[in-house]
Amino acid sequence: MAIRITFVIPSLSAGGAERVMSTVANYFAKQGYSVTLLTLDWGRKPFFKIDETITQRSLGLLSVSNNIFQTVIRSLRRSYRLRREIKRSNPDVVVSFMDKTNVLTLFSLFGSKIPVIVSEHMDSKQGRRMLILLRRIAYRWASRVVVLTKSMKKYFTNWLASEQVVIIPNPIRLEDERSNISNQVKLPKGKLIVAIGRLVRQKGFDLLIESFAKVSSNNLDWNLVILGQGQMQGELERLIGSLNLKNRIFLLGLVPNPLAILKQADIFAMSSRFEGFPMVILEAMAQGVAVVSFDCPCGPSEIIRDKIDGVLVPPENVAALATTIAKLMRDENERKRLALRAPEVLERFGSSRILEMWRRVVDEVYQSGANSKKP
């Protein structure tokens, strides 16, 4: 009988963790596992393709609370409903993605004896104090805590057993999950710096825009395009206007096939204040693009080999980022040298290798659970 896996995630919108879960879930479905995918949202169409054999249900559990009383009541309701839906799927193993959902899933299944694997996708030290406290309690009940980097494992093994915490990096995609959809995006002429991500403070696009502004007047054949949407769009548009760069910096919104644009990039820039394991760096390098990134916590330094296949810049240092970008703009040979070495990232983070790591962890947890049920 096929092993039954239930995945839990807030939504399948256009995000890195969402893309990874869809990739992992599709892999298990193709390997013959019985897969159920539960999202906490209200049934939005998934941004990424989901295998037709996967049972998908949207639970409508996401809501905003106005006070602590509402928060408690709604959390109890969410826990009850999620427990009921997970049990309805009759899983052998549950896999949860993203910290708040991980906590909710573990509390929901407390005492059920259903093994749970939780997956972290952000710098572990980020978050409100209450969330950090709840993770410290709930993660002790997890069968495995999957993290993306060595630094994340070091953080969690301060209070969890080392064997409980497993490093599984994100897998690289060579083709876009929505590659059957063509982009209706007109790119500016000239050479391109490309950046991708949600338009939120974490991604640091304000820092990138300021960096580009410092070097734009001496590099008139270069433009900056940013793919993504989010709450900072208006603020970023005003910043671009104040710098008189509306004809040089373009916010292109949510693009269905970003890899097609990455292939046209001359430089890829990542300006995040913090990360987990930035997929966009992997994807840009896999496409053979010269990459420059802030050396933020955590992830970039475990992907980029500085000055070999990309360039790392001190975190949140606008001047240093501007200087590095300017050097790459001027030096085509250096861009080509970095771009030539960049695809070597596939040797470390290729999909087949990473997905096999996921399979081993799920099988180990399943076997441990099966053995514990034997009389």
Protein backbone atom coordinates (compact mmCIF):
# COMPACT_ATOMS: atom_id res chain seq x y z
CA MET A 1 0.00 0.00 0.00
CA ALA A 2 1.29 3.46 -0.90
CA ILE A 3 2.56 5.69 1.89
CA ARG A 4 0.06 8.51 2.49
CA ILE A 5 1.53 12.01 2.88
CA THR A 6 -0.43 15.14 3.76
CA PHE A 7 1.22 18.49 3.07
CA VAL A 8 0.09 21.65 4.87
CA ILE A 9 0.93 25.22 3.78
CA PRO A 10 -0.79 28.64 4.04
CA SER A 11 -1.29 28.93 0.26
CA LEU A 12 0.21 28.08 -3.09
CA SER A 13 0.79 31.66 -4.15
CA ALA A 14 3.91 32.87 -5.98
CA GLY A 15 6.54 32.39 -3.29
CA GLY A 16 9.72 30.41 -2.76
CA ALA A 17 8.39 28.07 -0.06
CA GLU A 18 5.22 27.52 -2.08
CA ARG A 19 7.23 26.59 -5.14
CA VAL A 20 9.36 24.16 -3.15
CA MET A 21 6.31 22.47 -1.62
CA SER A 22 4.68 22.06 -5.03
CA THR A 23 7.91 20.56 -6.37
CA VAL A 24 8.25 18.15 -3.43
CA ALA A 25 4.56 17.17 -3.47
CA ASN A 26 4.63 16.55 -7.24
CA TYR A 27 7.76 14.43 -6.82
CA PHE A 28 6.13 12.17 -4.23
CA ALA A 29 2.99 11.84 -6.33
CA LYS A 30 5.06 10.75 -9.32
CA GLN A 31 6.89 8.24 -7.11
CA GLY A 32 3.58 6.53 -6.30
CA TYR A 33 2.90 7.99 -2.85
CA SER A 34 -0.68 9.00 -2.02
CA VAL A 35 -0.53 12.79 -1.62
CA THR A 36 -3.01 15.23 -0.10
CA LEU A 37 -2.29 18.96 -0.09
CA LEU A 38 -4.09 21.22 2.40
CA THR A 39 -3.88 25.01 2.12
CA LEU A 40 -5.15 27.40 4.78
CA ASP A 41 -6.36 30.01 2.30
CA TRP A 42 -9.76 30.46 0.64
CA GLY A 43 -9.25 28.40 -2.46
CA ARG A 44 -7.20 30.61 -4.74
CA LYS A 45 -5.94 28.86 -7.84
CA PRO A 46 -2.38 27.59 -7.24
CA PHE A 47 0.32 29.67 -8.93
CA PHE A 48 2.31 26.49 -9.53
CA LYS A 49 1.21 23.34 -11.31
CA ILE A 50 0.03 20.50 -9.08
CA ASP A 51 0.07 16.88 -10.21
CA GLU A 52 -3.41 15.70 -11.19
CA THR A 53 -3.20 12.72 -8.81
CA ILE A 54 -2.85 15.00 -5.75
CA THR A 55 -5.95 15.63 -3.65
CA GLN A 56 -6.05 19.33 -2.85
CA ARG A 57 -8.33 21.10 -0.35
CA SER A 58 -8.47 24.75 0.70
CA LEU A 59 -9.66 25.17 4.29
CA GLY A 60 -10.35 28.91 4.49
CA LEU A 61 -8.60 29.28 7.84
CA LEU A 62 -6.64 32.48 7.17
CA SER A 63 -8.07 35.55 8.92
CA VAL A 64 -6.99 38.70 10.73
CA SER A 65 -7.72 39.10 14.44
CA ASN A 66 -8.32 42.52 16.01
CA ASN A 67 -7.55 41.59 19.61
CA ILE A 68 -6.07 38.86 21.79
CA PHE A 69 -9.51 37.34 22.50
CA GLN A 70 -10.21 36.92 18.78
CA THR A 71 -6.73 35.51 18.28
CA VAL A 72 -7.26 32.80 20.91
CA ILE A 73 -10.75 31.84 19.72
CA ARG A 74 -9.74 31.71 16.06
CA SER A 75 -6.58 29.74 16.85
CA LEU A 76 -8.64 27.12 18.68
CA ARG A 77 -11.07 26.92 15.76
CA ARG A 78 -8.23 26.62 13.27
CA SER A 79 -6.59 23.86 15.32
CA TYR A 80 -9.83 21.89 15.56
CA ARG A 81 -10.62 22.24 11.85
CA LEU A 82 -7.07 21.46 10.74
CA ARG A 83 -6.89 18.38 12.98
CA ARG A 84 -10.19 17.16 11.54
CA GLU A 85 -9.08 17.69 7.93
CA ILE A 86 -5.69 16.09 8.45
CA LYS A 87 -7.27 13.04 10.08
CA ARG A 88 -9.76 12.89 7.21
CA SER A 89 -6.80 12.42 4.83
CA ASN A 90 -5.61 9.49 6.99
CA PRO A 91 -1.89 10.25 6.60
CA ASP A 92 1.08 8.12 7.52
CA VAL A 93 3.21 11.28 7.58
CA VAL A 94 2.37 15.00 7.66
CA VAL A 95 4.72 17.59 6.13
CA SER A 96 4.16 21.23 7.09
CA PHE A 97 5.82 24.27 5.50
CA MET A 98 6.46 27.74 7.05
CA ASP A 99 6.83 28.62 10.72
CA LYS A 100 3.32 29.76 11.73
CA THR A 101 1.71 26.86 9.91
CA ASN A 102 4.24 24.47 11.45
CA VAL A 103 3.25 25.60 14.95
CA LEU A 104 -0.46 25.37 14.14
CA THR A 105 -0.04 21.88 12.67
CA LEU A 106 1.94 20.56 15.63
CA PHE A 107 -0.52 21.95 18.18
CA SER A 108 -3.44 20.64 16.12
CA LEU A 109 -2.06 17.10 16.10
CA PHE A 110 -0.83 17.04 19.71
CA GLY A 111 -1.53 13.60 21.16
CA SER A 112 -2.58 12.10 17.81
CA LYS A 113 0.62 10.04 17.26
CA ILE A 114 0.67 11.16 13.61
CA PRO A 115 4.34 11.92 12.77
CA VAL A 116 4.95 15.48 11.57
CA ILE A 117 7.88 16.86 9.59
CA VAL A 118 8.14 20.68 9.67
CA SER A 119 10.10 22.72 7.16
CA GLU A 120 11.63 26.13 7.93
CA HIS A 121 12.12 28.61 5.08
CA MET A 122 13.35 31.82 6.69
CA ASP A 123 16.16 33.11 8.87
CA SER A 124 15.28 31.29 12.08
CA LYS A 125 15.97 34.24 14.36
CA GLN A 126 13.36 36.41 12.62
CA GLY A 127 9.83 36.72 13.93
CA ARG A 128 7.91 37.99 16.90
CA ARG A 129 8.83 36.81 20.38
CA MET A 130 5.58 34.89 20.79
CA LEU A 131 6.17 32.95 17.56
CA ILE A 132 9.75 32.16 18.60
CA LEU A 133 8.48 30.91 21.98
CA LEU A 134 5.75 28.78 20.38
CA ARG A 135 8.29 27.21 18.01
CA ARG A 136 10.54 26.32 20.94
CA ILE A 137 7.60 24.47 22.50
CA ALA A 138 5.98 22.89 19.46
CA TYR A 139 9.06 21.84 17.50
CA ARG A 140 10.00 19.40 20.25
CA TRP A 141 7.01 17.34 19.10
CA ALA A 142 8.14 17.20 15.46
CA SER A 143 9.60 13.98 14.10
CA ARG A 144 12.01 16.03 11.99
CA VAL A 145 12.73 19.74 11.55
CA VAL A 146 13.95 20.35 8.00
CA VAL A 147 16.15 23.43 7.60
CA LEU A 148 17.92 24.90 4.61
CA THR A 149 21.39 25.82 5.85
CA LYS A 150 24.10 24.95 8.36
CA SER A 151 23.51 28.18 10.25
CA MET A 152 19.81 27.33 10.65
CA LYS A 153 20.68 23.89 11.99
CA LYS A 154 23.09 25.43 14.48
CA TYR A 155 20.30 27.67 15.75
CA PHE A 156 17.79 24.86 16.24
CA THR A 157 20.23 22.41 17.81
CA ASN A 158 20.67 24.84 20.67
CA TRP A 159 17.43 23.32 22.00
CA LEU A 160 16.65 20.31 19.79
CA ALA A 161 18.54 17.04 19.36
CA SER A 162 20.98 17.17 16.46
CA GLU A 163 19.48 14.07 14.80
CA GLN A 164 16.04 15.72 14.86
CA VAL A 165 17.23 18.60 12.64
CA VAL A 166 17.97 17.76 9.00
CA ILE A 167 19.49 20.03 6.35
CA ILE A 168 17.75 19.81 2.97
CA PRO A 169 18.46 22.76 0.66
CA ASN A 170 15.89 23.92 -1.85
CA PRO A 171 16.02 22.22 -5.26
CA ILE A 172 16.78 24.24 -8.38
CA ARG A 173 14.21 24.37 -11.17
CA LEU A 174 15.56 24.33 -14.70
CA GLU A 175 12.15 24.93 -16.25
CA ASP A 176 9.40 27.11 -14.88
CA GLU A 177 6.39 25.29 -13.42
CA ARG A 178 4.26 27.68 -15.46
CA SER A 179 6.43 27.65 -18.56
CA ASN A 180 3.36 26.90 -20.67
CA ILE A 181 2.28 30.49 -20.00
CA SER A 182 3.97 33.15 -22.11
CA ASN A 183 5.01 36.47 -20.61
CA GLN A 184 3.15 39.52 -21.85
CA VAL A 185 6.00 41.73 -20.64
CA LYS A 186 7.94 44.17 -22.76
CA LEU A 187 11.47 44.56 -21.44
CA PRO A 188 13.43 47.80 -21.83
CA LYS A 189 16.19 47.93 -24.41
CA GLY A 190 19.83 47.77 -23.40
CA LYS A 191 21.57 45.72 -20.73
CA LEU A 192 19.51 44.42 -17.81
CA ILE A 193 19.92 44.03 -14.08
CA VAL A 194 17.12 41.74 -12.90
CA ALA A 195 15.80 41.28 -9.36
CA ILE A 196 12.92 39.04 -8.24
CA GLY A 197 10.88 38.86 -5.06
CA ARG A 198 7.91 40.11 -3.07
CA LEU A 199 7.83 43.88 -2.70
CA VAL A 200 8.30 43.83 1.07
CA ARG A 201 10.94 45.30 3.38
CA GLN A 202 12.72 41.96 3.78
CA LYS A 203 13.71 41.93 0.10
CA GLY A 204 15.51 45.29 0.33
CA PHE A 205 14.51 46.62 -3.07
CA ASP A 206 14.75 50.14 -1.66
CA LEU A 207 18.46 49.46 -1.07
CA LEU A 208 18.88 48.08 -4.58
CA ILE A 209 17.15 51.11 -6.11
CA GLU A 210 19.41 53.45 -4.13
CA SER A 211 22.47 51.48 -5.25
CA PHE A 212 21.45 51.62 -8.90
CA ALA A 213 20.81 55.36 -8.59
CA LYS A 214 24.44 55.88 -7.55
CA VAL A 215 25.79 54.36 -10.77
CA SER A 216 23.02 54.94 -13.32
CA SER A 217 24.28 58.26 -14.71
CA ASN A 218 27.59 56.71 -15.76
CA ASN A 219 25.94 53.63 -17.29
CA LEU A 220 23.16 54.91 -19.51
CA ASP A 221 22.79 51.66 -21.46
CA TRP A 222 21.75 49.75 -18.31
CA ASN A 223 18.26 49.37 -16.79
CA LEU A 224 16.94 47.70 -13.65
CA VAL A 225 13.80 45.52 -13.71
CA ILE A 226 12.17 44.12 -10.57
CA LEU A 227 9.68 41.25 -10.79
CA GLY A 228 7.14 40.81 -8.01
CA GLN A 229 4.26 42.41 -6.18
CA GLY A 230 3.64 43.42 -2.59
CA GLN A 231 2.74 46.07 -0.06
CA MET A 232 5.77 48.28 -0.73
CA GLN A 233 4.95 48.91 -4.39
CA GLY A 234 3.70 52.45 -3.82
CA GLU A 235 6.67 53.32 -1.63
CA LEU A 236 9.13 51.96 -4.20
CA GLU A 237 7.39 53.82 -7.01
CA ARG A 238 7.71 57.08 -5.05
CA LEU A 239 11.40 56.37 -4.39
CA ILE A 240 12.01 55.75 -8.10
CA GLY A 241 10.19 59.00 -8.94
CA SER A 242 12.18 61.01 -6.39
CA LEU A 243 15.40 59.76 -8.01
CA ASN A 244 14.14 60.65 -11.50
CA LEU A 245 14.63 57.07 -12.67
CA LYS A 246 11.16 56.17 -13.97
CA ASN A 247 12.66 55.53 -17.39
CA ARG A 248 15.48 53.35 -15.99
CA ILE A 249 13.88 51.27 -13.20
CA PHE A 250 10.79 49.17 -13.95
CA LEU A 251 8.50 47.34 -11.52
CA LEU A 252 7.03 44.63 -13.73
CA GLY A 253 4.70 43.03 -11.20
CA LEU A 254 4.00 39.32 -10.92
CA VAL A 255 5.40 37.60 -14.01
CA PRO A 256 4.14 34.06 -14.76
CA ASN A 257 7.41 32.85 -16.30
CA PRO A 258 10.30 34.65 -14.55
CA LEU A 259 12.93 32.20 -15.81
CA ALA A 260 12.37 33.48 -19.33
CA ILE A 261 13.34 36.96 -18.15
CA LEU A 262 16.26 35.66 -16.09
CA LYS A 263 17.72 34.18 -19.26
CA GLN A 264 17.87 37.70 -20.71
CA ALA A 265 19.58 39.23 -17.65
CA ASP A 266 23.16 40.50 -17.77
CA ILE A 267 23.35 40.74 -13.97
CA PHE A 268 21.10 39.32 -11.27
CA ALA A 269 21.02 41.28 -7.99
CA MET A 270 19.67 40.20 -4.62
CA SER A 271 19.35 42.88 -1.96
CA SER A 272 17.51 41.09 0.86
CA ARG A 273 17.94 42.13 4.47
CA PHE A 274 17.48 38.49 5.49
CA GLU A 275 16.57 35.23 3.78
CA GLY A 276 16.18 31.51 4.35
CA PHE A 277 17.66 29.93 1.25
CA PRO A 278 17.02 32.25 -1.69
CA MET A 279 15.78 30.24 -4.65
CA VAL A 280 16.20 33.16 -7.01
CA ILE A 281 19.99 33.03 -6.59
CA LEU A 282 20.03 29.33 -7.44
CA GLU A 283 17.81 29.87 -10.47
CA ALA A 284 19.83 32.82 -11.78
CA MET A 285 23.09 30.88 -11.42
CA ALA A 286 21.59 27.80 -13.05
CA GLN A 287 20.65 30.01 -16.03
CA GLY A 288 24.27 31.21 -16.31
CA VAL A 289 23.82 34.76 -15.05
CA ALA A 290 26.41 36.80 -13.14
CA VAL A 291 25.04 37.22 -9.61
CA VAL A 292 25.70 39.83 -6.93
CA SER A 293 24.06 39.51 -3.52
CA PHE A 294 24.12 40.95 -0.04
CA ASP A 295 25.74 38.43 2.29
CA CYS A 296 22.65 38.53 4.49
CA PRO A 297 21.53 35.90 6.99
CA CYS A 298 21.04 33.28 5.84
CA GLY A 299 21.71 31.38 2.61
CA PRO A 300 23.71 33.46 0.10
CA SER A 301 27.12 32.51 1.49
CA GLU A 302 26.17 28.81 1.34
CA ILE A 303 25.22 29.13 -2.33
CA ILE A 304 27.66 31.67 -3.83
CA ARG A 305 31.39 30.96 -3.85
CA ASP A 306 32.53 34.56 -3.55
CA LYS A 307 34.47 35.85 -6.56
CA ILE A 308 34.28 32.37 -8.16
CA ASP A 309 30.69 32.02 -9.36
CA GLY A 310 29.15 35.19 -7.93
CA VAL A 311 29.92 38.14 -5.69
CA LEU A 312 28.93 38.68 -2.05
CA VAL A 313 28.58 42.20 -0.64
CA PRO A 314 28.39 43.22 3.06
CA PRO A 315 24.72 43.17 4.12
CA GLU A 316 22.67 46.35 3.67
CA ASN A 317 25.74 48.25 2.43
CA VAL A 318 24.31 50.41 -0.37
CA ALA A 319 27.67 51.90 -1.33
CA ALA A 320 29.36 48.50 -1.58
CA LEU A 321 26.51 47.10 -3.66
CA ALA A 322 26.69 50.11 -5.99
CA THR A 323 30.46 49.72 -6.38
CA THR A 324 30.17 46.02 -7.16
CA ILE A 325 27.36 46.53 -9.66
CA ALA A 326 29.35 49.30 -11.36
CA LYS A 327 32.40 47.04 -11.71
CA LEU A 328 30.30 44.31 -13.31
CA MET A 329 28.61 46.81 -15.61
CA ARG A 330 32.00 47.96 -16.92
CA ASP A 331 33.70 44.57 -17.11
CA GLU A 332 32.00 42.27 -19.59
CA ASN A 333 34.76 39.67 -19.27
CA GLU A 334 34.20 39.44 -15.51
CA ARG A 335 30.48 39.02 -16.03
CA LYS A 336 31.16 36.23 -18.51
CA ARG A 337 33.66 34.56 -16.17
CA LEU A 338 31.17 34.49 -13.27
CA ALA A 339 28.34 33.40 -15.57
CA LEU A 340 30.44 30.52 -16.92
CA ARG A 341 31.07 29.12 -13.43
CA ALA A 342 27.58 29.85 -12.05
CA PRO A 343 25.80 26.72 -13.42
CA GLU A 344 28.14 24.56 -11.33
CA VAL A 345 25.58 25.26 -8.59
CA LEU A 346 23.57 22.40 -10.14
CA GLU A 347 26.15 19.92 -8.89
CA ARG A 348 25.30 20.87 -5.31
CA PHE A 349 21.60 21.71 -5.50
CA GLY A 350 20.21 19.76 -8.46
CA SER A 351 16.59 18.63 -8.09
CA SER A 352 17.16 14.86 -8.24
CA ARG A 353 19.68 14.94 -5.39
CA ILE A 354 17.58 17.22 -3.15
CA LEU A 355 14.31 15.38 -3.76
CA GLU A 356 15.95 12.05 -2.92
CA MET A 357 16.95 13.62 0.44
CA TRP A 358 13.28 14.42 1.05
CA ARG A 359 12.31 10.87 0.19
CA ARG A 360 14.81 9.41 2.66
CA VAL A 361 13.53 11.63 5.49
CA VAL A 362 9.86 10.81 4.80
CA ASP A 363 10.59 7.09 4.57
CA GLU A 364 12.60 7.17 7.82
CA VAL A 365 9.81 8.96 9.67
CA TYR A 366 7.23 6.56 8.23
CA GLN A 367 9.24 3.53 9.31
CA SER A 368 9.72 4.94 12.80
CA GLY A 369 5.99 5.58 13.07
CA ALA A 370 5.11 2.13 11.74
CA ASN A 371 7.49 0.45 14.18
CA SER A 372 6.09 2.40 17.12
CA LYS A 373 2.59 1.12 16.30
CA LYS A 374 3.66 -2.54 16.40
CA PRO A 375 2.52 -4.44 19.51
